[in-house]
Amino acid sequence: MLAERLAGKSSYRKKNGDRNAKGNLALANKKPLIGESGDLRREIHSLVSGNSLTVSSAMIYSAIQQFGGRAGRGLKVTIPARPFLPIRLDGTLYPEEQADILEAINGYLMAGL
């Protein structure tokens, strides 16, 4: 299972990207971002092409949820990042989620042997 992101809180992470004790406590007290409709969760899609896996959402507000930014008329409202995908701004995965994904892939490959 993918751990929730603690958006914009570098004080919750060690230099290597792992959560520190403060981050673990904050995560334990954090409620997941789940809208009433659940549309964002249902609209996560994946596409495999060669050696690549692309995960995306077709929801119009998915980018602002993931990365945060300015919105509204005149871009006067700042919306904080509330990531729902385990991806950093540079496109890399967080260490814990990368380990979970690799474990799932290895399990799948080993089951076929």
PDB file of N, CA and C in Angstrom:
ATOM      1  N   MET A   1       0.847  -1.182   0.000  1.00  0.00           N
ATOM      2  CA  MET A   1       0.000   0.000   0.000  1.00  0.00           C
ATOM      3  C   MET A   1       0.894   1.248   0.000  1.00  0.00           C
ATOM      4  N   LEU A   2       0.460   2.271  -0.685  1.00  0.00           N
ATOM      5  CA  LEU A   2       1.242   3.497  -0.809  1.00  0.00           C
ATOM      6  C   LEU A   2       0.971   4.407   0.376  1.00  0.00           C
ATOM      7  N   ALA A   3       2.022   4.898   0.993  1.00  0.00           N
ATOM      8  CA  ALA A   3       1.874   5.810   2.128  1.00  0.00           C
ATOM      9  C   ALA A   3       1.434   7.177   1.639  1.00  0.00           C
ATOM     10  N   GLU A   4       0.735   7.885   2.487  1.00  0.00           N
ATOM     11  CA  GLU A   4       0.294   9.241   2.134  1.00  0.00           C
ATOM     12  C   GLU A   4       1.469  10.205   2.130  1.00  0.00           C
ATOM     13  N   ARG A   5       1.390  11.227   1.368  1.00  0.00           N
ATOM     14  CA  ARG A   5       2.385  12.286   1.277  1.00  0.00           C
ATOM     15  C   ARG A   5       2.155  13.324   2.368  1.00  0.00           C
ATOM     16  N   LEU A   6       3.194  13.895   2.870  1.00  0.00           N
ATOM     17  CA  LEU A   6       3.096  15.023   3.786  1.00  0.00           C
ATOM     18  C   LEU A   6       3.552  16.239   3.001  1.00  0.00           C
ATOM     19  N   ALA A   7       2.622  16.810   2.263  1.00  0.00           N
ATOM     20  CA  ALA A   7       2.926  17.841   1.268  1.00  0.00           C
ATOM     21  C   ALA A   7       3.578  19.070   1.870  1.00  0.00           C
ATOM     22  N   GLY A   8       4.623  19.520   1.219  1.00  0.00           N
ATOM     23  CA  GLY A   8       5.260  20.782   1.570  1.00  0.00           C
ATOM     24  C   GLY A   8       5.943  20.793   2.917  1.00  0.00           C
ATOM     25  N   LYS A   9       6.188  19.667   3.497  1.00  0.00           N
ATOM     26  CA  LYS A   9       6.773  19.619   4.832  1.00  0.00           C
ATOM     27  C   LYS A   9       8.151  18.972   4.784  1.00  0.00           C
ATOM     28  N   SER A  10       9.144  19.728   4.382  1.00  0.00           N
ATOM     29  CA  SER A  10      10.496  19.174   4.325  1.00  0.00           C
ATOM     30  C   SER A  10      11.000  18.832   5.725  1.00  0.00           C
ATOM     31  N   SER A  11      10.430  19.456   6.758  1.00  0.00           N
ATOM     32  CA  SER A  11      10.841  19.149   8.122  1.00  0.00           C
ATOM     33  C   SER A  11      10.389  17.759   8.545  1.00  0.00           C
ATOM     34  N   TYR A  12       9.541  17.110   7.750  1.00  0.00           N
ATOM     35  CA  TYR A  12       9.059  15.760   8.052  1.00  0.00           C
ATOM     36  C   TYR A  12       9.904  14.690   7.370  1.00  0.00           C
ATOM     37  N   ARG A  13      10.929  15.102   6.642  1.00  0.00           N
ATOM     38  CA  ARG A  13      11.721  14.140   5.877  1.00  0.00           C
ATOM     39  C   ARG A  13      13.208  14.300   6.176  1.00  0.00           C
ATOM     40  N   LYS A  14      13.891  13.168   6.112  1.00  0.00           N
ATOM     41  CA  LYS A  14      15.349  13.174   6.207  1.00  0.00           C
ATOM     42  C   LYS A  14      15.909  13.616   4.862  1.00  0.00           C
ATOM     43  N   LYS A  15      17.191  13.879   4.801  1.00  0.00           N
ATOM     44  CA  LYS A  15      17.809  14.317   3.549  1.00  0.00           C
ATOM     45  C   LYS A  15      17.677  13.280   2.441  1.00  0.00           C
ATOM     46  N   ASN A  16      17.591  11.992   2.800  1.00  0.00           N
ATOM     47  CA  ASN A  16      17.475  10.942   1.777  1.00  0.00           C
ATOM     48  C   ASN A  16      16.037  10.737   1.305  1.00  0.00           C
ATOM     49  N   GLY A  17      15.080  11.497   1.852  1.00  0.00           N
ATOM     50  CA  GLY A  17      13.692  11.407   1.420  1.00  0.00           C
ATOM     51  C   GLY A  17      12.792  10.583   2.322  1.00  0.00           C
ATOM     52  N   ASP A  18      13.388   9.780   3.218  1.00  0.00           N
ATOM     53  CA  ASP A  18      12.583   8.992   4.149  1.00  0.00           C
ATOM     54  C   ASP A  18      11.948   9.896   5.198  1.00  0.00           C
ATOM     55  N   ARG A  19      10.816   9.460   5.757  1.00  0.00           N
ATOM     56  CA  ARG A  19      10.180  10.233   6.827  1.00  0.00           C
ATOM     57  C   ARG A  19      10.988  10.133   8.108  1.00  0.00           C
ATOM     58  N   ASN A  20      11.052  11.240   8.857  1.00  0.00           N
ATOM     59  CA  ASN A  20      11.678  11.219  10.169  1.00  0.00           C
ATOM     60  C   ASN A  20      10.610  10.956  11.230  1.00  0.00           C
ATOM     61  N   ALA A  21      10.979  10.992  12.509  1.00  0.00           N
ATOM     62  CA  ALA A  21      10.028  10.699  13.589  1.00  0.00           C
ATOM     63  C   ALA A  21       8.865  11.690  13.591  1.00  0.00           C
ATOM     64  N   LYS A  22       9.148  12.972  13.355  1.00  0.00           N
ATOM     65  CA  LYS A  22       8.102  13.984  13.292  1.00  0.00           C
ATOM     66  C   LYS A  22       7.138  13.694  12.141  1.00  0.00           C
ATOM     67  N   GLY A  23       7.665  13.263  11.003  1.00  0.00           N
ATOM     68  CA  GLY A  23       6.840  12.917   9.849  1.00  0.00           C
ATOM     69  C   GLY A  23       5.975  11.700  10.112  1.00  0.00           C
ATOM     70  N   ASN A  24       6.546  10.696  10.801  1.00  0.00           N
ATOM     71  CA  ASN A  24       5.758   9.501  11.132  1.00  0.00           C
ATOM     72  C   ASN A  24       4.608   9.838  12.066  1.00  0.00           C
ATOM     73  N   LEU A  25       4.845  10.717  13.019  1.00  0.00           N
ATOM     74  CA  LEU A  25       3.778  11.135  13.939  1.00  0.00           C
ATOM     75  C   LEU A  25       2.702  11.914  13.182  1.00  0.00           C
ATOM     76  N   ALA A  26       3.119  12.824  12.319  1.00  0.00           N
ATOM     77  CA  ALA A  26       2.149  13.605  11.538  1.00  0.00           C
ATOM     78  C   ALA A  26       1.325  12.691  10.635  1.00  0.00           C
ATOM     79  N   LEU A  27       1.969  11.705  10.025  1.00  0.00           N
ATOM     80  CA  LEU A  27       1.259  10.776   9.151  1.00  0.00           C
ATOM     81  C   LEU A  27       0.240   9.959   9.939  1.00  0.00           C
ATOM     82  N   ALA A  28       0.597   9.556  11.143  1.00  0.00           N
ATOM     83  CA  ALA A  28      -0.318   8.766  11.966  1.00  0.00           C
ATOM     84  C   ALA A  28      -1.571   9.563  12.322  1.00  0.00           C
ATOM     85  N   ASN A  29      -1.451  10.889  12.406  1.00  0.00           N
ATOM     86  CA  ASN A  29      -2.583  11.743  12.774  1.00  0.00           C
ATOM     87  C   ASN A  29      -3.307  12.341  11.582  1.00  0.00           C
ATOM     88  N   LYS A  30      -2.859  12.042  10.362  1.00  0.00           N
ATOM     89  CA  LYS A  30      -3.401  12.666   9.160  1.00  0.00           C
ATOM     90  C   LYS A  30      -4.557  11.848   8.590  1.00  0.00           C
ATOM     91  N   LYS A  31      -5.612  12.524   8.192  1.00  0.00           N
ATOM     92  CA  LYS A  31      -6.727  11.868   7.536  1.00  0.00           C
ATOM     93  C   LYS A  31      -6.496  11.894   6.037  1.00  0.00           C
ATOM     94  N   PRO A  32      -6.859  10.832   5.322  1.00  0.00           N
ATOM     95  CA  PRO A  32      -6.654  10.828   3.874  1.00  0.00           C
ATOM     96  C   PRO A  32      -7.558  11.827   3.170  1.00  0.00           C
ATOM     97  N   LEU A  33      -7.075  12.361   2.046  1.00  0.00           N
ATOM     98  CA  LEU A  33      -7.859  13.273   1.227  1.00  0.00           C
ATOM     99  C   LEU A  33      -8.768  12.447   0.331  1.00  0.00           C
ATOM    100  N   ILE A  34     -10.021  12.344   0.709  1.00  0.00           N
ATOM    101  CA  ILE A  34     -10.993  11.581  -0.075  1.00  0.00           C
ATOM    102  C   ILE A  34     -12.228  12.452  -0.215  1.00  0.00           C
ATOM    103  N   GLY A  35     -12.531  12.824  -1.446  1.00  0.00           N
ATOM    104  CA  GLY A  35     -13.718  13.623  -1.705  1.00  0.00           C
ATOM    105  C   GLY A  35     -14.981  12.799  -1.544  1.00  0.00           C
ATOM    106  N   GLU A  36     -16.089  13.459  -1.453  1.00  0.00           N
ATOM    107  CA  GLU A  36     -17.360  12.760  -1.296  1.00  0.00           C
ATOM    108  C   GLU A  36     -17.659  11.851  -2.477  1.00  0.00           C
ATOM    109  N   SER A  37     -17.297  12.281  -3.680  1.00  0.00           N
ATOM    110  CA  SER A  37     -17.627  11.494  -4.869  1.00  0.00           C
ATOM    111  C   SER A  37     -16.646  10.355  -5.115  1.00  0.00           C
ATOM    112  N   GLY A  38     -15.391  10.490  -4.695  1.00  0.00           N
ATOM    113  CA  GLY A  38     -14.383   9.476  -4.951  1.00  0.00           C
ATOM    114  C   GLY A  38     -13.925   9.441  -6.399  1.00  0.00           C
ATOM    115  N   ASP A  39     -14.288  10.479  -7.186  1.00  0.00           N
ATOM    116  CA  ASP A  39     -13.955  10.495  -8.612  1.00  0.00           C
ATOM    117  C   ASP A  39     -12.452  10.441  -8.859  1.00  0.00           C
ATOM    118  N   LEU A  40     -11.683  11.195  -8.099  1.00  0.00           N
ATOM    119  CA  LEU A  40     -10.239  11.236  -8.324  1.00  0.00           C
ATOM    120  C   LEU A  40      -9.638   9.844  -8.131  1.00  0.00           C
ATOM    121  N   ARG A  41     -10.052   9.157  -7.101  1.00  0.00           N
ATOM    122  CA  ARG A  41      -9.545   7.814  -6.827  1.00  0.00           C
ATOM    123  C   ARG A  41      -9.921   6.843  -7.947  1.00  0.00           C
ATOM    124  N   ARG A  42     -11.125   6.963  -8.472  1.00  0.00           N
ATOM    125  CA  ARG A  42     -11.595   6.057  -9.528  1.00  0.00           C
ATOM    126  C   ARG A  42     -10.975   6.375 -10.888  1.00  0.00           C
ATOM    127  N   GLU A  43     -10.494   7.582 -11.072  1.00  0.00           N
ATOM    128  CA  GLU A  43      -9.991   7.999 -12.378  1.00  0.00           C
ATOM    129  C   GLU A  43      -8.472   7.948 -12.486  1.00  0.00           C
ATOM    130  N   ILE A  44      -7.819   7.090 -11.728  1.00  0.00           N
ATOM    131  CA  ILE A  44      -6.380   6.889 -11.860  1.00  0.00           C
ATOM    132  C   ILE A  44      -6.186   5.771 -12.874  1.00  0.00           C
ATOM    133  N   HIS A  45      -5.406   6.062 -13.903  1.00  0.00           N
ATOM    134  CA  HIS A  45      -5.205   5.123 -15.004  1.00  0.00           C
ATOM    135  C   HIS A  45      -3.728   4.793 -15.153  1.00  0.00           C
ATOM    136  N   SER A  46      -3.448   3.622 -15.696  1.00  0.00           N
ATOM    137  CA  SER A  46      -2.063   3.246 -15.965  1.00  0.00           C
ATOM    138  C   SER A  46      -1.937   2.788 -17.415  1.00  0.00           C
ATOM    139  N   LEU A  47      -0.754   3.001 -17.966  1.00  0.00           N
ATOM    140  CA  LEU A  47      -0.460   2.620 -19.342  1.00  0.00           C
ATOM    141  C   LEU A  47       0.945   2.035 -19.376  1.00  0.00           C
ATOM    142  N   VAL A  48       1.064   0.796 -19.842  1.00  0.00           N
ATOM    143  CA  VAL A  48       2.363   0.141 -19.979  1.00  0.00           C
ATOM    144  C   VAL A  48       2.778   0.216 -21.438  1.00  0.00           C
ATOM    145  N   SER A  49       4.003   0.676 -21.668  1.00  0.00           N
ATOM    146  CA  SER A  49       4.540   0.782 -23.025  1.00  0.00           C
ATOM    147  C   SER A  49       6.023   0.426 -22.978  1.00  0.00           C
ATOM    148  N   GLY A  50       6.383  -0.716 -23.538  1.00  0.00           N
ATOM    149  CA  GLY A  50       7.778  -1.153 -23.484  1.00  0.00           C
ATOM    150  C   GLY A  50       8.198  -1.380 -22.054  1.00  0.00           C
ATOM    151  N   ASN A  51       9.222  -0.652 -21.611  1.00  0.00           N
ATOM    152  CA  ASN A  51       9.723  -0.767 -20.234  1.00  0.00           C
ATOM    153  C   ASN A  51       9.214   0.350 -19.335  1.00  0.00           C
ATOM    154  N   SER A  52       8.164   1.063 -19.768  1.00  0.00           N
ATOM    155  CA  SER A  52       7.664   2.203 -19.008  1.00  0.00           C
ATOM    156  C   SER A  52       6.250   1.962 -18.496  1.00  0.00           C
ATOM    157  N   LEU A  53       5.975   2.520 -17.345  1.00  0.00           N
ATOM    158  CA  LEU A  53       4.636   2.523 -16.769  1.00  0.00           C
ATOM    159  C   LEU A  53       4.271   3.974 -16.498  1.00  0.00           C
ATOM    160  N   THR A  54       3.158   4.424 -17.059  1.00  0.00           N
ATOM    161  CA  THR A  54       2.678   5.780 -16.830  1.00  0.00           C
ATOM    162  C   THR A  54       1.393   5.698 -16.018  1.00  0.00           C
ATOM    163  N   VAL A  55       1.361   6.443 -14.921  1.00  0.00           N
ATOM    164  CA  VAL A  55       0.177   6.517 -14.072  1.00  0.00           C
ATOM    165  C   VAL A  55      -0.317   7.949 -14.123  1.00  0.00           C
ATOM    166  N   SER A  56      -1.620   8.134 -14.371  1.00  0.00           N
ATOM    167  CA  SER A  56      -2.159   9.487 -14.511  1.00  0.00           C
ATOM    168  C   SER A  56      -3.613   9.531 -14.071  1.00  0.00           C
ATOM    169  N   SER A  57      -4.147  10.731 -14.074  1.00  0.00           N
ATOM    170  CA  SER A  57      -5.562  10.941 -13.780  1.00  0.00           C
ATOM    171  C   SER A  57      -6.127  11.895 -14.819  1.00  0.00           C
ATOM    172  N   ALA A  58      -7.327  11.592 -15.283  1.00  0.00           N
ATOM    173  CA  ALA A  58      -7.982  12.433 -16.281  1.00  0.00           C
ATOM    174  C   ALA A  58      -8.800  13.551 -15.642  1.00  0.00           C
ATOM    175  N   MET A  59      -8.881  13.576 -14.325  1.00  0.00           N
ATOM    176  CA  MET A  59      -9.684  14.595 -13.658  1.00  0.00           C
ATOM    177  C   MET A  59      -9.030  15.967 -13.849  1.00  0.00           C
ATOM    178  N   ILE A  60      -9.832  16.954 -14.146  1.00  0.00           N
ATOM    179  CA  ILE A  60      -9.335  18.291 -14.471  1.00  0.00           C
ATOM    180  C   ILE A  60      -8.568  18.923 -13.298  1.00  0.00           C
ATOM    181  N   TYR A  61      -8.893  18.547 -12.087  1.00  0.00           N
ATOM    182  CA  TYR A  61      -8.252  19.146 -10.913  1.00  0.00           C
ATOM    183  C   TYR A  61      -7.122  18.285 -10.351  1.00  0.00           C
ATOM    184  N   SER A  62      -6.759  17.203 -11.017  1.00  0.00           N
ATOM    185  CA  SER A  62      -5.754  16.293 -10.463  1.00  0.00           C
ATOM    186  C   SER A  62      -4.381  16.954 -10.312  1.00  0.00           C
ATOM    187  N   ALA A  63      -3.952  17.773 -11.265  1.00  0.00           N
ATOM    188  CA  ALA A  63      -2.629  18.410 -11.178  1.00  0.00           C
ATOM    189  C   ALA A  63      -2.548  19.375 -10.003  1.00  0.00           C
ATOM    190  N   ILE A  64      -3.598  20.157  -9.780  1.00  0.00           N
ATOM    191  CA  ILE A  64      -3.576  21.103  -8.660  1.00  0.00           C
ATOM    192  C   ILE A  64      -3.595  20.358  -7.329  1.00  0.00           C
ATOM    193  N   GLN A  65      -4.249  19.199  -7.281  1.00  0.00           N
ATOM    194  CA  GLN A  65      -4.236  18.382  -6.064  1.00  0.00           C
ATOM    195  C   GLN A  65      -2.829  17.835  -5.825  1.00  0.00           C
ATOM    196  N   GLN A  66      -2.194  17.328  -6.870  1.00  0.00           N
ATOM    197  CA  GLN A  66      -0.881  16.700  -6.736  1.00  0.00           C
ATOM    198  C   GLN A  66       0.216  17.712  -6.412  1.00  0.00           C
ATOM    199  N   PHE A  67       0.239  18.820  -7.139  1.00  0.00           N
ATOM    200  CA  PHE A  67       1.367  19.748  -7.047  1.00  0.00           C
ATOM    201  C   PHE A  67       1.059  21.069  -6.342  1.00  0.00           C
ATOM    202  N   GLY A  68      -0.229  21.399  -6.157  1.00  0.00           N
ATOM    203  CA  GLY A  68      -0.591  22.686  -5.579  1.00  0.00           C
ATOM    204  C   GLY A  68      -0.378  23.794  -6.599  1.00  0.00           C
ATOM    205  N   GLY A  69      -0.724  25.015  -6.218  1.00  0.00           N
ATOM    206  CA  GLY A  69      -0.510  26.143  -7.121  1.00  0.00           C
ATOM    207  C   GLY A  69      -1.561  27.211  -6.949  1.00  0.00           C
ATOM    208  N   ARG A  70      -1.611  28.126  -7.884  1.00  0.00           N
ATOM    209  CA  ARG A  70      -2.546  29.250  -7.852  1.00  0.00           C
ATOM    210  C   ARG A  70      -3.765  28.894  -8.685  1.00  0.00           C
ATOM    211  N   ALA A  71      -4.943  29.278  -8.217  1.00  0.00           N
ATOM    212  CA  ALA A  71      -6.181  28.938  -8.916  1.00  0.00           C
ATOM    213  C   ALA A  71      -7.213  30.035  -8.695  1.00  0.00           C
ATOM    214  N   GLY A  72      -8.365  29.862  -9.311  1.00  0.00           N
ATOM    215  CA  GLY A  72      -9.457  30.817  -9.156  1.00  0.00           C
ATOM    216  C   GLY A  72      -9.326  31.984 -10.112  1.00  0.00           C
ATOM    217  N   ARG A  73     -10.319  32.852 -10.077  1.00  0.00           N
ATOM    218  CA  ARG A  73     -10.290  34.048 -10.930  1.00  0.00           C
ATOM    219  C   ARG A  73      -9.100  34.921 -10.574  1.00  0.00           C
ATOM    220  N   GLY A  74      -8.294  35.210 -11.562  1.00  0.00           N
ATOM    221  CA  GLY A  74      -7.099  36.017 -11.327  1.00  0.00           C
ATOM    222  C   GLY A  74      -6.008  35.277 -10.578  1.00  0.00           C
ATOM    223  N   LEU A  75      -6.149  33.979 -10.437  1.00  0.00           N
ATOM    224  CA  LEU A  75      -5.174  33.151  -9.717  1.00  0.00           C
ATOM    225  C   LEU A  75      -4.870  33.716  -8.335  1.00  0.00           C
ATOM    226  N   LYS A  76      -5.909  34.142  -7.635  1.00  0.00           N
ATOM    227  CA  LYS A  76      -5.742  34.778  -6.326  1.00  0.00           C
ATOM    228  C   LYS A  76      -5.724  33.799  -5.163  1.00  0.00           C
ATOM    229  N   VAL A  77      -6.072  32.532  -5.430  1.00  0.00           N
ATOM    230  CA  VAL A  77      -6.142  31.532  -4.364  1.00  0.00           C
ATOM    231  C   VAL A  77      -4.954  30.587  -4.484  1.00  0.00           C
ATOM    232  N   THR A  78      -4.266  30.369  -3.378  1.00  0.00           N
ATOM    233  CA  THR A  78      -3.176  29.404  -3.358  1.00  0.00           C
ATOM    234  C   THR A  78      -3.698  28.103  -2.768  1.00  0.00           C
ATOM    235  N   ILE A  79      -3.600  27.043  -3.541  1.00  0.00           N
ATOM    236  CA  ILE A  79      -4.042  25.727  -3.096  1.00  0.00           C
ATOM    237  C   ILE A  79      -2.806  24.917  -2.738  1.00  0.00           C
ATOM    238  N   PRO A  80      -2.731  24.380  -1.520  1.00  0.00           N
ATOM    239  CA  PRO A  80      -1.559  23.591  -1.139  1.00  0.00           C
ATOM    240  C   PRO A  80      -1.550  22.253  -1.862  1.00  0.00           C
ATOM    241  N   ALA A  81      -0.370  21.716  -2.074  1.00  0.00           N
ATOM    242  CA  ALA A  81      -0.246  20.386  -2.676  1.00  0.00           C
ATOM    243  C   ALA A  81      -0.818  19.355  -1.713  1.00  0.00           C
ATOM    244  N   ARG A  82      -1.627  18.458  -2.247  1.00  0.00           N
ATOM    245  CA  ARG A  82      -2.156  17.326  -1.486  1.00  0.00           C
ATOM    246  C   ARG A  82      -1.994  16.088  -2.369  1.00  0.00           C
ATOM    247  N   PRO A  83      -0.739  15.635  -2.502  1.00  0.00           N
ATOM    248  CA  PRO A  83      -0.435  14.558  -3.434  1.00  0.00           C
ATOM    249  C   PRO A  83      -1.237  13.284  -3.172  1.00  0.00           C
ATOM    250  N   PHE A  84      -1.685  12.673  -4.240  1.00  0.00           N
ATOM    251  CA  PHE A  84      -2.387  11.404  -4.159  1.00  0.00           C
ATOM    252  C   PHE A  84      -1.615  10.327  -4.907  1.00  0.00           C
ATOM    253  N   LEU A  85      -0.570  10.708  -5.643  1.00  0.00           N
ATOM    254  CA  LEU A  85       0.319   9.773  -6.315  1.00  0.00           C
ATOM    255  C   LEU A  85       1.691   9.858  -5.637  1.00  0.00           C
ATOM    256  N   PRO A  86       2.420   8.742  -5.548  1.00  0.00           N
ATOM    257  CA  PRO A  86       3.709   8.738  -4.827  1.00  0.00           C
ATOM    258  C   PRO A  86       4.874   9.248  -5.677  1.00  0.00           C
ATOM    259  N   ILE A  87       4.697  10.424  -6.279  1.00  0.00           N
ATOM    260  CA  ILE A  87       5.679  10.939  -7.224  1.00  0.00           C
ATOM    261  C   ILE A  87       6.154  12.316  -6.800  1.00  0.00           C
ATOM    262  N   ARG A  88       7.465  12.512  -6.825  1.00  0.00           N
ATOM    263  CA  ARG A  88       8.041  13.821  -6.526  1.00  0.00           C
ATOM    264  C   ARG A  88       7.894  14.727  -7.733  1.00  0.00           C
ATOM    265  N   LEU A  89       8.161  16.011  -7.547  1.00  0.00           N
ATOM    266  CA  LEU A  89       8.082  16.977  -8.640  1.00  0.00           C
ATOM    267  C   LEU A  89       9.008  16.630  -9.798  1.00  0.00           C
ATOM    268  N   ASP A  90      10.141  16.003  -9.499  1.00  0.00           N
ATOM    269  CA  ASP A  90      11.089  15.655 -10.563  1.00  0.00           C
ATOM    270  C   ASP A  90      10.742  14.332 -11.257  1.00  0.00           C
ATOM    271  N   GLY A  91       9.627  13.706 -10.877  1.00  0.00           N
ATOM    272  CA  GLY A  91       9.174  12.482 -11.530  1.00  0.00           C
ATOM    273  C   GLY A  91       9.653  11.202 -10.876  1.00  0.00           C
ATOM    274  N   THR A  92      10.493  11.306  -9.852  1.00  0.00           N
ATOM    275  CA  THR A  92      10.970  10.104  -9.166  1.00  0.00           C
ATOM    276  C   THR A  92       9.990   9.690  -8.067  1.00  0.00           C
ATOM    277  N   LEU A  93      10.087   8.438  -7.662  1.00  0.00           N
ATOM    278  CA  LEU A  93       9.232   7.921  -6.600  1.00  0.00           C
ATOM    279  C   LEU A  93       9.877   8.160  -5.246  1.00  0.00           C
ATOM    280  N   TYR A  94       9.053   8.244  -4.214  1.00  0.00           N
ATOM    281  CA  TYR A  94       9.560   8.306  -2.851  1.00  0.00           C
ATOM    282  C   TYR A  94      10.135   6.935  -2.504  1.00  0.00           C
ATOM    283  N   PRO A  95      11.199   6.866  -1.676  1.00  0.00           N
ATOM    284  CA  PRO A  95      11.877   5.597  -1.398  1.00  0.00           C
ATOM    285  C   PRO A  95      10.957   4.477  -0.884  1.00  0.00           C
ATOM    286  N   GLU A  96      10.089   4.787   0.051  1.00  0.00           N
ATOM    287  CA  GLU A  96       9.206   3.753   0.615  1.00  0.00           C
ATOM    288  C   GLU A  96       8.268   3.186  -0.448  1.00  0.00           C
ATOM    289  N   GLU A  97       7.686   4.050  -1.250  1.00  0.00           N
ATOM    290  CA  GLU A  97       6.768   3.607  -2.278  1.00  0.00           C
ATOM    291  C   GLU A  97       7.495   2.855  -3.384  1.00  0.00           C
ATOM    292  N   GLN A  98       8.708   3.292  -3.719  1.00  0.00           N
ATOM    293  CA  GLN A  98       9.493   2.586  -4.720  1.00  0.00           C
ATOM    294  C   GLN A  98       9.751   1.155  -4.257  1.00  0.00           C
ATOM    295  N   ALA A  99      10.107   0.987  -2.984  1.00  0.00           N
ATOM    296  CA  ALA A  99      10.342  -0.352  -2.441  1.00  0.00           C
ATOM    297  C   ALA A  99       9.064  -1.195  -2.501  1.00  0.00           C
ATOM    298  N   ASP A 100       7.917  -0.603  -2.158  1.00  0.00           N
ATOM    299  CA  ASP A 100       6.641  -1.326  -2.214  1.00  0.00           C
ATOM    300  C   ASP A 100       6.317  -1.770  -3.636  1.00  0.00           C
ATOM    301  N   ILE A 101       6.536  -0.882  -4.600  1.00  0.00           N
ATOM    302  CA  ILE A 101       6.230  -1.192  -5.996  1.00  0.00           C
ATOM    303  C   ILE A 101       7.155  -2.290  -6.508  1.00  0.00           C
ATOM    304  N   LEU A 102       8.451  -2.192  -6.206  1.00  0.00           N
ATOM    305  CA  LEU A 102       9.391  -3.219  -6.646  1.00  0.00           C
ATOM    306  C   LEU A 102       9.063  -4.571  -6.012  1.00  0.00           C
ATOM    307  N   GLU A 103       8.656  -4.560  -4.765  1.00  0.00           N
ATOM    308  CA  GLU A 103       8.261  -5.804  -4.091  1.00  0.00           C
ATOM    309  C   GLU A 103       7.043  -6.426  -4.783  1.00  0.00           C
ATOM    310  N   ALA A 104       6.070  -5.596  -5.155  1.00  0.00           N
ATOM    311  CA  ALA A 104       4.876  -6.098  -5.843  1.00  0.00           C
ATOM    312  C   ALA A 104       5.236  -6.666  -7.213  1.00  0.00           C
ATOM    313  N   ILE A 105       6.117  -5.989  -7.933  1.00  0.00           N
ATOM    314  CA  ILE A 105       6.540  -6.470  -9.252  1.00  0.00           C
ATOM    315  C   ILE A 105       7.280  -7.799  -9.120  1.00  0.00           C
ATOM    316  N   ASN A 106       8.206  -7.883  -8.161  1.00  0.00           N
ATOM    317  CA  ASN A 106       8.945  -9.130  -7.948  1.00  0.00           C
ATOM    318  C   ASN A 106       8.005 -10.263  -7.570  1.00  0.00           C
ATOM    319  N   GLY A 107       7.028  -9.978  -6.721  1.00  0.00           N
ATOM    320  CA  GLY A 107       6.046 -11.000  -6.348  1.00  0.00           C
ATOM    321  C   GLY A 107       5.270 -11.504  -7.546  1.00  0.00           C
ATOM    322  N   TYR A 108       4.890 -10.595  -8.408  1.00  0.00           N
ATOM    323  CA  TYR A 108       4.153 -10.960  -9.620  1.00  0.00           C
ATOM    324  C   TYR A 108       5.019 -11.815 -10.533  1.00  0.00           C
ATOM    325  N   LEU A 109       6.277 -11.402 -10.721  1.00  0.00           N
ATOM    326  CA  LEU A 109       7.175 -12.154 -11.597  1.00  0.00           C
ATOM    327  C   LEU A 109       7.498 -13.534 -11.028  1.00  0.00           C
ATOM    328  N   MET A 110       7.686 -13.619  -9.741  1.00  0.00           N
ATOM    329  CA  MET A 110       8.018 -14.896  -9.100  1.00  0.00           C
ATOM    330  C   MET A 110       6.823 -15.849  -9.099  1.00  0.00           C
ATOM    331  N   ALA A 111       5.614 -15.319  -9.081  1.00  0.00           N
ATOM    332  CA  ALA A 111       4.408 -16.158  -9.098  1.00  0.00           C
ATOM    333  C   ALA A 111       4.275 -16.878 -10.434  1.00  0.00           C
ATOM    334  N   GLY A 112       4.834 -16.309 -11.487  1.00  0.00           N
ATOM    335  CA  GLY A 112       4.747 -16.912 -12.814  1.00  0.00           C
ATOM    336  C   GLY A 112       5.764 -18.020 -13.042  1.00  0.00           C
ATOM    337  N   LEU A 113       6.683 -18.216 -12.095  1.00  0.00           N
ATOM    338  CA  LEU A 113       7.722 -19.254 -12.278  1.00  0.00           C
ATOM    339  C   LEU A 113       7.257 -20.606 -11.822  1.00  0.00           C
TER     340      LEU A 113
END
